[in-house]
Each structure stands twice: as C-alpha cells, then as structure tokens.
C-alpha cells in the first residue's frame, strides 16, 4: 500500500540479498567465516545451508549479523539520502529485524504487524 500511495520503500531483506550477491565482499566474508559449503555451484549463497549453520547457535548468528548488517545499513543510508535529495515526502523502511538490529527510536513511527500462520 505504501508504494501505491507514492512512498519510497527501502526493504532490508532486498538489500541483504543484494549485499550477498555472487562476487560481493559480503558473500566472501560469509564463505570465509562459515565455509565454502554455504555457496552453491554457481557461486550464490545456499541460504538453507547457511541457515542450518546459524540457527540455534547464537555466536554464529551474531557473526553473520556482524557481516551482513553493516552493509545493509550503509546501503539503506545511501537510499535514504537519495530520497531526501529528491524531496520524497514519505520514506518507509521495511526492516523485519528492526528490534534486533537497530534502535526503533531512530524512526519517526513504527508499524508492527503479525503474520498469520496456517
């Protein structure tokens, strides 16, 4: 709905996938920390393989976040500056891990929703 209303939407999940693209510095750091078996034959990230290594391992998850989150934040900051320079009136940051990764007070408003399972 926000896009339909003319908002600029910055999606942290999209930025994370971009940061982890084949050939990226982030993906190289992930492979160095977690092993090359987290890469597929074409050099992309094996998300299921990586997930298996970090789920239930707080130290591994923290290491992954230390690799990915700074790159995502830097790109988000770039996109926010570009939106401000264009004079965009409404900027929405879609950040699934907001409460884990950032201080929610950094944002003018927060919208929290629940996803129905079933």
PDB file of N, CA and C in Angstrom:
ATOM      1  N   UNK A   1       0.813  -1.197   0.000  1.00  0.00           N
ATOM      2  CA  UNK A   1       0.000   0.000   0.000  1.00  0.00           C
ATOM      3  C   UNK A   1       0.858   1.262   0.000  1.00  0.00           C
ATOM      4  N   UNK A   2       1.955   1.226   0.734  1.00  0.00           N
ATOM      5  CA  UNK A   2       2.788   2.424   0.818  1.00  0.00           C
ATOM      6  C   UNK A   2       3.308   2.839  -0.553  1.00  0.00           C
ATOM      7  N   UNK A   3       3.749   1.873  -1.345  1.00  0.00           N
ATOM      8  CA  UNK A   3       4.223   2.202  -2.696  1.00  0.00           C
ATOM      9  C   UNK A   3       3.093   2.797  -3.534  1.00  0.00           C
ATOM     10  N   UNK A   4       1.895   2.228  -3.400  1.00  0.00           N
ATOM     11  CA  UNK A   4       0.746   2.730  -4.138  1.00  0.00           C
ATOM     12  C   UNK A   4       0.434   4.172  -3.754  1.00  0.00           C
ATOM     13  N   UNK A   5       0.746   4.534  -2.543  1.00  0.00           N
ATOM     14  CA  UNK A   5       0.484   5.886  -2.056  1.00  0.00           C
ATOM     15  C   UNK A   5       1.644   6.832  -2.375  1.00  0.00           C
ATOM     16  N   UNK A   6       2.656   6.330  -3.085  1.00  0.00           N
ATOM     17  CA  UNK A   6       3.761   7.171  -3.513  1.00  0.00           C
ATOM     18  C   UNK A   6       4.972   7.179  -2.601  1.00  0.00           C
ATOM     19  N   UNK A   7       4.987   6.306  -1.612  1.00  0.00           N
ATOM     20  CA  UNK A   7       6.122   6.255  -0.691  1.00  0.00           C
ATOM     21  C   UNK A   7       7.316   5.569  -1.350  1.00  0.00           C
ATOM     22  N   UNK A   8       8.480   5.987  -0.938  1.00  0.00           N
ATOM     23  CA  UNK A   8       9.699   5.266  -1.275  1.00  0.00           C
ATOM     24  C   UNK A   8       9.858   4.190  -0.207  1.00  0.00           C
ATOM     25  N   UNK A   9       9.985   2.945  -0.620  1.00  0.00           N
ATOM     26  CA  UNK A   9      10.110   1.834   0.318  1.00  0.00           C
ATOM     27  C   UNK A   9      11.507   1.241   0.197  1.00  0.00           C
ATOM     28  N   UNK A  10      12.192   1.183   1.315  1.00  0.00           N
ATOM     29  CA  UNK A  10      13.508   0.565   1.387  1.00  0.00           C
ATOM     30  C   UNK A  10      13.331  -0.741   2.148  1.00  0.00           C
ATOM     31  N   UNK A  11      13.537  -1.847   1.464  1.00  0.00           N
ATOM     32  CA  UNK A  11      13.298  -3.179   2.017  1.00  0.00           C
ATOM     33  C   UNK A  11      14.626  -3.803   2.442  1.00  0.00           C
ATOM     34  N   UNK A  12      14.820  -3.992   3.733  1.00  0.00           N
ATOM     35  CA  UNK A  12      16.081  -4.525   4.255  1.00  0.00           C
ATOM     36  C   UNK A  12      16.364  -5.932   3.741  1.00  0.00           C
ATOM     37  N   UNK A  13      15.343  -6.741   3.538  1.00  0.00           N
ATOM     38  CA  UNK A  13      15.565  -8.094   3.010  1.00  0.00           C
ATOM     39  C   UNK A  13      16.130  -8.035   1.589  1.00  0.00           C
ATOM     40  N   UNK A  14      15.624  -7.132   0.776  1.00  0.00           N
ATOM     41  CA  UNK A  14      16.144  -6.965  -0.585  1.00  0.00           C
ATOM     42  C   UNK A  14      17.596  -6.489  -0.523  1.00  0.00           C
ATOM     43  N   UNK A  15      17.871  -5.551   0.373  1.00  0.00           N
ATOM     44  CA  UNK A  15      19.235  -5.048   0.499  1.00  0.00           C
ATOM     45  C   UNK A  15      20.192  -6.140   0.966  1.00  0.00           C
ATOM     46  N   UNK A  16      19.736  -7.004   1.856  1.00  0.00           N
ATOM     47  CA  UNK A  16      20.575  -8.112   2.326  1.00  0.00           C
ATOM     48  C   UNK A  16      20.888  -9.069   1.179  1.00  0.00           C
ATOM     49  N   UNK A  17      19.892  -9.361   0.364  1.00  0.00           N
ATOM     50  CA  UNK A  17      20.128 -10.245  -0.785  1.00  0.00           C
ATOM     51  C   UNK A  17      21.092  -9.608  -1.779  1.00  0.00           C
ATOM     52  N   UNK A  18      20.962  -8.308  -1.991  1.00  0.00           N
ATOM     53  CA  UNK A  18      21.889  -7.611  -2.879  1.00  0.00           C
ATOM     54  C   UNK A  18      23.309  -7.659  -2.311  1.00  0.00           C
ATOM     55  N   UNK A  19      23.444  -7.457  -1.003  1.00  0.00           N
ATOM     56  CA  UNK A  19      24.762  -7.466  -0.362  1.00  0.00           C
ATOM     57  C   UNK A  19      25.414  -8.839  -0.446  1.00  0.00           C
ATOM     58  N   UNK A  20      24.593  -9.886  -0.500  1.00  0.00           N
ATOM     59  CA  UNK A  20      25.095 -11.262  -0.526  1.00  0.00           C
ATOM     60  C   UNK A  20      25.177 -11.826  -1.946  1.00  0.00           C
ATOM     61  N   UNK A  21      25.155 -10.972  -2.931  1.00  0.00           N
ATOM     62  CA  UNK A  21      25.188 -11.406  -4.326  1.00  0.00           C
ATOM     63  C   UNK A  21      26.522 -12.081  -4.645  1.00  0.00           C
ATOM     64  N   UNK A  22      26.515 -12.994  -5.616  1.00  0.00           N
ATOM     65  CA  UNK A  22      27.769 -13.637  -6.017  1.00  0.00           C
ATOM     66  C   UNK A  22      28.835 -12.599  -6.367  1.00  0.00           C
ATOM     67  N   UNK A  23      30.038 -12.836  -5.869  1.00  0.00           N
ATOM     68  CA  UNK A  23      31.149 -11.932  -6.137  1.00  0.00           C
ATOM     69  C   UNK A  23      31.257 -10.773  -5.166  1.00  0.00           C
ATOM     70  N   UNK A  24      30.300 -10.627  -4.265  1.00  0.00           N
ATOM     71  CA  UNK A  24      30.324  -9.492  -3.336  1.00  0.00           C
ATOM     72  C   UNK A  24      31.283  -9.750  -2.176  1.00  0.00           C
ATOM     73  N   UNK A  25      31.727  -8.653  -1.577  1.00  0.00           N
ATOM     74  CA  UNK A  25      32.598  -8.741  -0.404  1.00  0.00           C
ATOM     75  C   UNK A  25      31.876  -9.423   0.756  1.00  0.00           C
ATOM     76  N   UNK A  26      30.589  -9.139   0.908  1.00  0.00           N
ATOM     77  CA  UNK A  26      29.813  -9.746   1.988  1.00  0.00           C
ATOM     78  C   UNK A  26      29.761 -11.265   1.819  1.00  0.00           C
ATOM     79  N   UNK A  27      29.494 -11.722   0.613  1.00  0.00           N
ATOM     80  CA  UNK A  27      29.427 -13.172   0.387  1.00  0.00           C
ATOM     81  C   UNK A  27      30.791 -13.816   0.633  1.00  0.00           C
ATOM     82  N   UNK A  28      31.858 -13.141   0.251  1.00  0.00           N
ATOM     83  CA  UNK A  28      33.200 -13.668   0.503  1.00  0.00           C
ATOM     84  C   UNK A  28      33.461 -13.793   2.003  1.00  0.00           C
ATOM     85  N   UNK A  29      33.033 -12.804   2.771  1.00  0.00           N
ATOM     86  CA  UNK A  29      33.201 -12.862   4.229  1.00  0.00           C
ATOM     87  C   UNK A  29      32.362 -13.984   4.844  1.00  0.00           C
ATOM     88  N   UNK A  30      31.154 -14.170   4.323  1.00  0.00           N
ATOM     89  CA  UNK A  30      30.297 -15.253   4.813  1.00  0.00           C
ATOM     90  C   UNK A  30      30.977 -16.600   4.547  1.00  0.00           C
ATOM     91  N   UNK A  31      31.490 -16.789   3.343  1.00  0.00           N
ATOM     92  CA  UNK A  31      32.143 -18.061   2.991  1.00  0.00           C
ATOM     93  C   UNK A  31      33.406 -18.264   3.822  1.00  0.00           C
ATOM     94  N   UNK A  32      34.141 -17.186   4.091  1.00  0.00           N
ATOM     95  CA  UNK A  32      35.350 -17.298   4.903  1.00  0.00           C
ATOM     96  C   UNK A  32      35.014 -17.709   6.334  1.00  0.00           C
ATOM     97  N   UNK A  33      33.925 -17.181   6.862  1.00  0.00           N
ATOM     98  CA  UNK A  33      33.541 -17.477   8.252  1.00  0.00           C
ATOM     99  C   UNK A  33      32.846 -18.823   8.392  1.00  0.00           C
ATOM    100  N   UNK A  34      31.975 -19.162   7.444  1.00  0.00           N
ATOM    101  CA  UNK A  34      31.131 -20.347   7.604  1.00  0.00           C
ATOM    102  C   UNK A  34      31.518 -21.515   6.705  1.00  0.00           C
ATOM    103  N   UNK A  35      32.440 -21.299   5.786  1.00  0.00           N
ATOM    104  CA  UNK A  35      32.892 -22.358   4.900  1.00  0.00           C
ATOM    105  C   UNK A  35      32.294 -22.222   3.512  1.00  0.00           C
ATOM    106  N   UNK A  36      33.020 -22.702   2.532  1.00  0.00           N
ATOM    107  CA  UNK A  36      32.562 -22.582   1.147  1.00  0.00           C
ATOM    108  C   UNK A  36      31.375 -23.490   0.840  1.00  0.00           C
ATOM    109  N   UNK A  37      31.048 -24.380   1.773  1.00  0.00           N
ATOM    110  CA  UNK A  37      29.872 -25.222   1.544  1.00  0.00           C
ATOM    111  C   UNK A  37      28.566 -24.440   1.675  1.00  0.00           C
ATOM    112  N   UNK A  38      28.634 -23.148   2.056  1.00  0.00           N
ATOM    113  CA  UNK A  38      27.431 -22.315   2.074  1.00  0.00           C
ATOM    114  C   UNK A  38      27.213 -21.648   0.722  1.00  0.00           C
ATOM    115  N   UNK A  39      28.042 -22.017  -0.257  1.00  0.00           N
ATOM    116  CA  UNK A  39      27.892 -21.498  -1.614  1.00  0.00           C
ATOM    117  C   UNK A  39      27.379 -22.610  -2.525  1.00  0.00           C
ATOM    118  N   UNK A  40      26.541 -22.234  -3.467  1.00  0.00           N
ATOM    119  CA  UNK A  40      26.069 -23.186  -4.460  1.00  0.00           C
ATOM    120  C   UNK A  40      27.120 -23.297  -5.567  1.00  0.00           C
ATOM    121  N   UNK A  41      26.906 -24.211  -6.489  1.00  0.00           N
ATOM    122  CA  UNK A  41      27.867 -24.405  -7.582  1.00  0.00           C
ATOM    123  C   UNK A  41      28.040 -23.152  -8.435  1.00  0.00           C
ATOM    124  N   UNK A  42      26.983 -22.340  -8.535  1.00  0.00           N
ATOM    125  CA  UNK A  42      27.097 -21.121  -9.345  1.00  0.00           C
ATOM    126  C   UNK A  42      27.655 -19.931  -8.553  1.00  0.00           C
ATOM    127  N   UNK A  43      28.053 -20.158  -7.304  1.00  0.00           N
ATOM    128  CA  UNK A  43      28.667 -19.107  -6.500  1.00  0.00           C
ATOM    129  C   UNK A  43      27.702 -18.268  -5.690  1.00  0.00           C
ATOM    130  N   UNK A  44      26.421 -18.598  -5.723  1.00  0.00           N
ATOM    131  CA  UNK A  44      25.456 -17.850  -4.927  1.00  0.00           C
ATOM    132  C   UNK A  44      25.344 -18.472  -3.530  1.00  0.00           C
ATOM    133  N   UNK A  45      24.685 -17.769  -2.662  1.00  0.00           N
ATOM    134  CA  UNK A  45      24.541 -18.215  -1.283  1.00  0.00           C
ATOM    135  C   UNK A  45      23.531 -19.345  -1.184  1.00  0.00           C
ATOM    136  N   UNK A  46      23.913 -20.421  -0.528  1.00  0.00           N
ATOM    137  CA  UNK A  46      22.999 -21.511  -0.197  1.00  0.00           C
ATOM    138  C   UNK A  46      22.328 -21.127   1.120  1.00  0.00           C
ATOM    139  N   UNK A  47      21.211 -20.446   1.012  1.00  0.00           N
ATOM    140  CA  UNK A  47      20.543 -19.907   2.201  1.00  0.00           C
ATOM    141  C   UNK A  47      20.149 -20.988   3.189  1.00  0.00           C
ATOM    142  N   UNK A  48      19.672 -22.114   2.691  1.00  0.00           N
ATOM    143  CA  UNK A  48      19.286 -23.209   3.584  1.00  0.00           C
ATOM    144  C   UNK A  48      20.520 -23.754   4.307  1.00  0.00           C
ATOM    145  N   UNK A  49      21.615 -23.880   3.589  1.00  0.00           N
ATOM    146  CA  UNK A  49      22.842 -24.370   4.207  1.00  0.00           C
ATOM    147  C   UNK A  49      23.362 -23.426   5.279  1.00  0.00           C
ATOM    148  N   UNK A  50      23.328 -22.138   4.983  1.00  0.00           N
ATOM    149  CA  UNK A  50      23.766 -21.153   5.966  1.00  0.00           C
ATOM    150  C   UNK A  50      22.826 -21.140   7.169  1.00  0.00           C
ATOM    151  N   UNK A  51      21.532 -21.194   6.887  1.00  0.00           N
ATOM    152  CA  UNK A  51      20.535 -21.206   7.967  1.00  0.00           C
ATOM    153  C   UNK A  51      20.796 -22.372   8.909  1.00  0.00           C
ATOM    154  N   UNK A  52      21.122 -23.532   8.357  1.00  0.00           N
ATOM    155  CA  UNK A  52      21.391 -24.709   9.185  1.00  0.00           C
ATOM    156  C   UNK A  52      22.590 -24.485  10.103  1.00  0.00           C
ATOM    157  N   UNK A  53      23.539 -23.668   9.661  1.00  0.00           N
ATOM    158  CA  UNK A  53      24.726 -23.417  10.469  1.00  0.00           C
ATOM    159  C   UNK A  53      24.503 -22.384  11.569  1.00  0.00           C
ATOM    160  N   UNK A  54      23.552 -21.479  11.382  1.00  0.00           N
ATOM    161  CA  UNK A  54      23.394 -20.405  12.369  1.00  0.00           C
ATOM    162  C   UNK A  54      22.196 -20.581  13.292  1.00  0.00           C
ATOM    163  N   UNK A  55      21.193 -21.329  12.864  1.00  0.00           N
ATOM    164  CA  UNK A  55      20.015 -21.498  13.725  1.00  0.00           C
ATOM    165  C   UNK A  55      20.380 -22.310  14.966  1.00  0.00           C
ATOM    166  N   UNK A  56      20.031 -21.758  16.093  1.00  0.00           N
ATOM    167  CA  UNK A  56      20.323 -22.425  17.357  1.00  0.00           C
ATOM    168  C   UNK A  56      21.740 -22.183  17.853  1.00  0.00           C
ATOM    169  N   UNK A  57      22.532 -21.409  17.115  1.00  0.00           N
ATOM    170  CA  UNK A  57      23.896 -21.090  17.507  1.00  0.00           C
ATOM    171  C   UNK A  57      24.013 -19.575  17.587  1.00  0.00           C
ATOM    172  N   UNK A  58      23.829 -19.042  18.783  1.00  0.00           N
ATOM    173  CA  UNK A  58      23.810 -17.588  18.970  1.00  0.00           C
ATOM    174  C   UNK A  58      25.108 -16.921  18.504  1.00  0.00           C
ATOM    175  N   UNK A  59      26.242 -17.572  18.731  1.00  0.00           N
ATOM    176  CA  UNK A  59      27.528 -16.997  18.324  1.00  0.00           C
ATOM    177  C   UNK A  59      27.635 -16.926  16.800  1.00  0.00           C
ATOM    178  N   UNK A  60      27.215 -17.981  16.126  1.00  0.00           N
ATOM    179  CA  UNK A  60      27.268 -17.997  14.663  1.00  0.00           C
ATOM    180  C   UNK A  60      26.305 -16.962  14.076  1.00  0.00           C
ATOM    181  N   UNK A  61      25.108 -16.860  14.647  1.00  0.00           N
ATOM    182  CA  UNK A  61      24.147 -15.876  14.170  1.00  0.00           C
ATOM    183  C   UNK A  61      24.673 -14.460  14.376  1.00  0.00           C
ATOM    184  N   UNK A  62      25.292 -14.213  15.517  1.00  0.00           N
ATOM    185  CA  UNK A  62      25.866 -12.892  15.781  1.00  0.00           C
ATOM    186  C   UNK A  62      26.979 -12.587  14.775  1.00  0.00           C
ATOM    187  N   UNK A  63      27.783 -13.576  14.449  1.00  0.00           N
ATOM    188  CA  UNK A  63      28.857 -13.385  13.463  1.00  0.00           C
ATOM    189  C   UNK A  63      28.274 -13.056  12.093  1.00  0.00           C
ATOM    190  N   UNK A  64      27.222 -13.768  11.704  1.00  0.00           N
ATOM    191  CA  UNK A  64      26.567 -13.491  10.425  1.00  0.00           C
ATOM    192  C   UNK A  64      26.000 -12.075  10.410  1.00  0.00           C
ATOM    193  N   UNK A  65      25.342 -11.698  11.482  1.00  0.00           N
ATOM    194  CA  UNK A  65      24.776 -10.351  11.557  1.00  0.00           C
ATOM    195  C   UNK A  65      25.855  -9.278  11.497  1.00  0.00           C
ATOM    196  N   UNK A  66      27.018  -9.533  12.090  1.00  0.00           N
ATOM    197  CA  UNK A  66      28.117  -8.571  12.057  1.00  0.00           C
ATOM    198  C   UNK A  66      28.671  -8.415  10.645  1.00  0.00           C
ATOM    199  N   UNK A  67      28.505  -9.425   9.822  1.00  0.00           N
ATOM    200  CA  UNK A  67      28.944  -9.342   8.437  1.00  0.00           C
ATOM    201  C   UNK A  67      27.905  -8.615   7.581  1.00  0.00           C
ATOM    202  N   UNK A  68      26.642  -8.991   7.729  1.00  0.00           N
ATOM    203  CA  UNK A  68      25.597  -8.519   6.815  1.00  0.00           C
ATOM    204  C   UNK A  68      25.030  -7.154   7.208  1.00  0.00           C
ATOM    205  N   UNK A  69      24.747  -6.948   8.478  1.00  0.00           N
ATOM    206  CA  UNK A  69      24.038  -5.736   8.889  1.00  0.00           C
ATOM    207  C   UNK A  69      24.749  -4.434   8.527  1.00  0.00           C
ATOM    208  N   UNK A  70      26.076  -4.318   8.693  1.00  0.00           N
ATOM    209  CA  UNK A  70      26.717  -3.045   8.309  1.00  0.00           C
ATOM    210  C   UNK A  70      26.548  -2.720   6.820  1.00  0.00           C
ATOM    211  N   UNK A  71      26.625  -3.726   5.972  1.00  0.00           N
ATOM    212  CA  UNK A  71      26.451  -3.485   4.531  1.00  0.00           C
ATOM    213  C   UNK A  71      25.024  -3.051   4.220  1.00  0.00           C
ATOM    214  N   UNK A  72      24.072  -3.666   4.879  1.00  0.00           N
ATOM    215  CA  UNK A  72      22.662  -3.305   4.661  1.00  0.00           C
ATOM    216  C   UNK A  72      22.415  -1.886   5.160  1.00  0.00           C
ATOM    217  N   UNK A  73      22.942  -1.564   6.337  1.00  0.00           N
ATOM    218  CA  UNK A  73      22.765  -0.208   6.876  1.00  0.00           C
ATOM    219  C   UNK A  73      23.369   0.842   5.956  1.00  0.00           C
ATOM    220  N   UNK A  74      24.564   0.563   5.450  1.00  0.00           N
ATOM    221  CA  UNK A  74      25.231   1.527   4.569  1.00  0.00           C
ATOM    222  C   UNK A  74      24.407   1.771   3.311  1.00  0.00           C
ATOM    223  N   UNK A  75      23.879   0.725   2.719  1.00  0.00           N
ATOM    224  CA  UNK A  75      23.064   0.880   1.506  1.00  0.00           C
ATOM    225  C   UNK A  75      21.749   1.584   1.826  1.00  0.00           C
ATOM    226  N   UNK A  76      21.146   1.245   2.969  1.00  0.00           N
ATOM    227  CA  UNK A  76      19.905   1.910   3.381  1.00  0.00           C
ATOM    228  C   UNK A  76      20.148   3.395   3.557  1.00  0.00           C
ATOM    229  N   UNK A  77      21.274   3.749   4.173  1.00  0.00           N
ATOM    230  CA  UNK A  77      21.619   5.165   4.362  1.00  0.00           C
ATOM    231  C   UNK A  77      21.767   5.872   3.017  1.00  0.00           C
ATOM    232  N   UNK A  78      22.407   5.205   2.049  1.00  0.00           N
ATOM    233  CA  UNK A  78      22.550   5.784   0.705  1.00  0.00           C
ATOM    234  C   UNK A  78      21.183   6.047   0.081  1.00  0.00           C
ATOM    235  N   UNK A  79      20.297   5.065   0.180  1.00  0.00           N
ATOM    236  CA  UNK A  79      18.963   5.212  -0.412  1.00  0.00           C
ATOM    237  C   UNK A  79      18.157   6.290   0.287  1.00  0.00           C
ATOM    238  N   UNK A  80      18.325   6.419   1.591  1.00  0.00           N
ATOM    239  CA  UNK A  80      17.623   7.470   2.330  1.00  0.00           C
ATOM    240  C   UNK A  80      18.131   8.849   1.922  1.00  0.00           C
ATOM    241  N   UNK A  81      19.451   8.983   1.753  1.00  0.00           N
ATOM    242  CA  UNK A  81      19.998  10.268   1.307  1.00  0.00           C
ATOM    243  C   UNK A  81      19.481  10.623  -0.083  1.00  0.00           C
ATOM    244  N   UNK A  82      19.422   9.631  -0.967  1.00  0.00           N
ATOM    245  CA  UNK A  82      18.910   9.871  -2.322  1.00  0.00           C
ATOM    246  C   UNK A  82      17.450  10.291  -2.273  1.00  0.00           C
ATOM    247  N   UNK A  83      16.657   9.655  -1.415  1.00  0.00           N
ATOM    248  CA  UNK A  83      15.239  10.013  -1.285  1.00  0.00           C
ATOM    249  C   UNK A  83      15.096  11.441  -0.776  1.00  0.00           C
ATOM    250  N   UNK A  84      15.917  11.810   0.190  1.00  0.00           N
ATOM    251  CA  UNK A  84      15.864  13.173   0.726  1.00  0.00           C
ATOM    252  C   UNK A  84      16.268  14.184  -0.344  1.00  0.00           C
ATOM    253  N   UNK A  85      17.300  13.856  -1.120  1.00  0.00           N
ATOM    254  CA  UNK A  85      17.758  14.759  -2.175  1.00  0.00           C
ATOM    255  C   UNK A  85      16.691  14.955  -3.247  1.00  0.00           C
ATOM    256  N   UNK A  86      15.895  13.907  -3.496  1.00  0.00           N
ATOM    257  CA  UNK A  86      14.801  14.013  -4.481  1.00  0.00           C
ATOM    258  C   UNK A  86      13.610  14.771  -3.915  1.00  0.00           C
ATOM    259  N   UNK A  87      13.578  14.922  -2.600  1.00  0.00           N
ATOM    260  CA  UNK A  87      12.444  15.577  -1.964  1.00  0.00           C
ATOM    261  C   UNK A  87      11.282  14.639  -1.691  1.00  0.00           C
ATOM    262  N   UNK A  88      11.563  13.331  -1.623  1.00  0.00           N
ATOM    263  CA  UNK A  88      10.497  12.367  -1.323  1.00  0.00           C
ATOM    264  C   UNK A  88       9.834  12.725   0.000  1.00  0.00           C
ATOM    265  N   UNK A  89       8.532  12.693   0.024  1.00  0.00           N
ATOM    266  CA  UNK A  89       7.796  13.090   1.219  1.00  0.00           C
ATOM    267  C   UNK A  89       7.628  11.965   2.229  1.00  0.00           C
ATOM    268  N   UNK A  90       7.617  10.729   1.748  1.00  0.00           N
ATOM    269  CA  UNK A  90       7.396   9.604   2.647  1.00  0.00           C
ATOM    270  C   UNK A  90       8.391   8.500   2.320  1.00  0.00           C
ATOM    271  N   UNK A  91       9.149   8.093   3.331  1.00  0.00           N
ATOM    272  CA  UNK A  91      10.113   7.012   3.192  1.00  0.00           C
ATOM    273  C   UNK A  91       9.765   5.937   4.208  1.00  0.00           C
ATOM    274  N   UNK A  92       9.573   4.732   3.723  1.00  0.00           N
ATOM    275  CA  UNK A  92       9.237   3.600   4.583  1.00  0.00           C
ATOM    276  C   UNK A  92      10.413   2.638   4.581  1.00  0.00           C
ATOM    277  N   UNK A  93      10.904   2.321   5.759  1.00  0.00           N
ATOM    278  CA  UNK A  93      11.948   1.317   5.920  1.00  0.00           C
ATOM    279  C   UNK A  93      11.278   0.028   6.368  1.00  0.00           C
ATOM    280  N   UNK A  94      11.331  -0.980   5.522  1.00  0.00           N
ATOM    281  CA  UNK A  94      10.780  -2.299   5.850  1.00  0.00           C
ATOM    282  C   UNK A  94      11.934  -3.122   6.417  1.00  0.00           C
ATOM    283  N   UNK A  95      11.969  -3.245   7.749  1.00  0.00           N
ATOM    284  CA  UNK A  95      13.089  -3.886   8.429  1.00  0.00           C
ATOM    285  C   UNK A  95      12.546  -4.980   9.349  1.00  0.00           C
ATOM    286  N   UNK A  96      12.522  -6.215   8.867  1.00  0.00           N
ATOM    287  CA  UNK A  96      11.986  -7.302   9.696  1.00  0.00           C
ATOM    288  C   UNK A  96      12.713  -7.469  11.032  1.00  0.00           C
ATOM    289  N   UNK A  97      14.008  -7.200  11.074  1.00  0.00           N
ATOM    290  CA  UNK A  97      14.776  -7.360  12.309  1.00  0.00           C
ATOM    291  C   UNK A  97      15.036  -6.023  13.000  1.00  0.00           C
ATOM    292  N   UNK A  98      14.114  -5.090  12.857  1.00  0.00           N
ATOM    293  CA  UNK A  98      14.311  -3.753  13.422  1.00  0.00           C
ATOM    294  C   UNK A  98      14.691  -3.811  14.892  1.00  0.00           C
ATOM    295  N   UNK A  99      13.938  -4.548  15.682  1.00  0.00           N
ATOM    296  CA  UNK A  99      14.154  -4.540  17.121  1.00  0.00           C
ATOM    297  C   UNK A  99      15.426  -5.278  17.504  1.00  0.00           C
ATOM    298  N   UNK A 100      15.921  -6.166  16.641  1.00  0.00           N
ATOM    299  CA  UNK A 100      17.165  -6.871  16.899  1.00  0.00           C
ATOM    300  C   UNK A 100      18.377  -6.097  16.384  1.00  0.00           C
ATOM    301  N   UNK A 101      18.189  -5.311  15.324  1.00  0.00           N
ATOM    302  CA  UNK A 101      19.327  -4.705  14.635  1.00  0.00           C
ATOM    303  C   UNK A 101      19.518  -3.218  14.902  1.00  0.00           C
ATOM    304  N   UNK A 102      18.465  -2.511  15.206  1.00  0.00           N
ATOM    305  CA  UNK A 102      18.544  -1.054  15.350  1.00  0.00           C
ATOM    306  C   UNK A 102      17.716  -0.587  16.530  1.00  0.00           C
ATOM    307  N   UNK A 103      17.894   0.668  16.860  1.00  0.00           N
ATOM    308  CA  UNK A 103      17.069   1.300  17.879  1.00  0.00           C
ATOM    309  C   UNK A 103      15.804   1.812  17.193  1.00  0.00           C
ATOM    310  N   UNK A 104      14.651   1.265  17.522  1.00  0.00           N
ATOM    311  CA  UNK A 104      13.409   1.718  16.877  1.00  0.00           C
ATOM    312  C   UNK A 104      13.145   3.210  17.045  1.00  0.00           C
ATOM    313  N   UNK A 105      13.734   3.832  18.061  1.00  0.00           N
ATOM    314  CA  UNK A 105      13.533   5.263  18.280  1.00  0.00           C
ATOM    315  C   UNK A 105      14.175   6.108  17.176  1.00  0.00           C
ATOM    316  N   UNK A 106      14.997   5.494  16.319  1.00  0.00           N
ATOM    317  CA  UNK A 106      15.602   6.219  15.209  1.00  0.00           C
ATOM    318  C   UNK A 106      14.588   6.588  14.138  1.00  0.00           C
ATOM    319  N   UNK A 107      13.401   6.027  14.216  1.00  0.00           N
ATOM    320  CA  UNK A 107      12.385   6.221  13.186  1.00  0.00           C
ATOM    321  C   UNK A 107      11.230   7.036  13.744  1.00  0.00           C
ATOM    322  N   UNK A 108      10.608   7.813  12.876  1.00  0.00           N
ATOM    323  CA  UNK A 108       9.511   8.681  13.305  1.00  0.00           C
ATOM    324  C   UNK A 108       8.306   7.883  13.796  1.00  0.00           C
ATOM    325  N   UNK A 109       8.061   6.746  13.163  1.00  0.00           N
ATOM    326  CA  UNK A 109       6.932   5.901  13.552  1.00  0.00           C
ATOM    327  C   UNK A 109       7.294   4.455  13.249  1.00  0.00           C
ATOM    328  N   UNK A 110       6.640   3.545  13.940  1.00  0.00           N
ATOM    329  CA  UNK A 110       6.843   2.129  13.720  1.00  0.00           C
ATOM    330  C   UNK A 110       5.503   1.457  13.534  1.00  0.00           C
ATOM    331  N   UNK A 111       5.439   0.592  12.562  1.00  0.00           N
ATOM    332  CA  UNK A 111       4.236  -0.198  12.322  1.00  0.00           C
ATOM    333  C   UNK A 111       4.643  -1.656  12.472  1.00  0.00           C
ATOM    334  N   UNK A 112       3.991  -2.333  13.378  1.00  0.00           N
ATOM    335  CA  UNK A 112       4.335  -3.732  13.645  1.00  0.00           C
ATOM    336  C   UNK A 112       3.118  -4.567  13.308  1.00  0.00           C
ATOM    337  N   UNK A 113       3.349  -5.615  12.543  1.00  0.00           N
ATOM    338  CA  UNK A 113       2.258  -6.486  12.167  1.00  0.00           C
ATOM    339  C   UNK A 113       2.589  -7.931  12.478  1.00  0.00           C
ATOM    340  N   UNK A 114       1.586  -8.723  12.511  1.00  0.00           N
ATOM    341  CA  UNK A 114       1.761 -10.155  12.744  1.00  0.00           C
ATOM    342  C   UNK A 114       1.357 -10.903  11.472  1.00  0.00           C
ATOM    343  N   UNK A 115       2.039 -11.978  11.228  1.00  0.00           N
ATOM    344  CA  UNK A 115       1.734 -12.808  10.084  1.00  0.00           C
ATOM    345  C   UNK A 115       0.969 -14.025  10.580  1.00  0.00           C
ATOM    346  N   UNK A 116      -0.185 -14.260   9.997  1.00  0.00           N
ATOM    347  CA  UNK A 116      -0.990 -15.427  10.393  1.00  0.00           C
ATOM    348  C   UNK A 116      -0.340 -16.688   9.858  1.00  0.00           C
ATOM    349  N   UNK A 117      -0.280 -17.684  10.672  1.00  0.00           N
ATOM    350  CA  UNK A 117       0.270 -18.983  10.278  1.00  0.00           C
ATOM    351  C   UNK A 117      -0.884 -19.907   9.937  1.00  0.00           C
ATOM    352  N   UNK A 118      -0.675 -20.714   8.921  1.00  0.00           N
ATOM    353  CA  UNK A 118      -1.750 -21.663   8.673  1.00  0.00           C
ATOM    354  C   UNK A 118      -1.960 -22.054   7.294  1.00  0.00           C
TER     355      UNK A 118
END
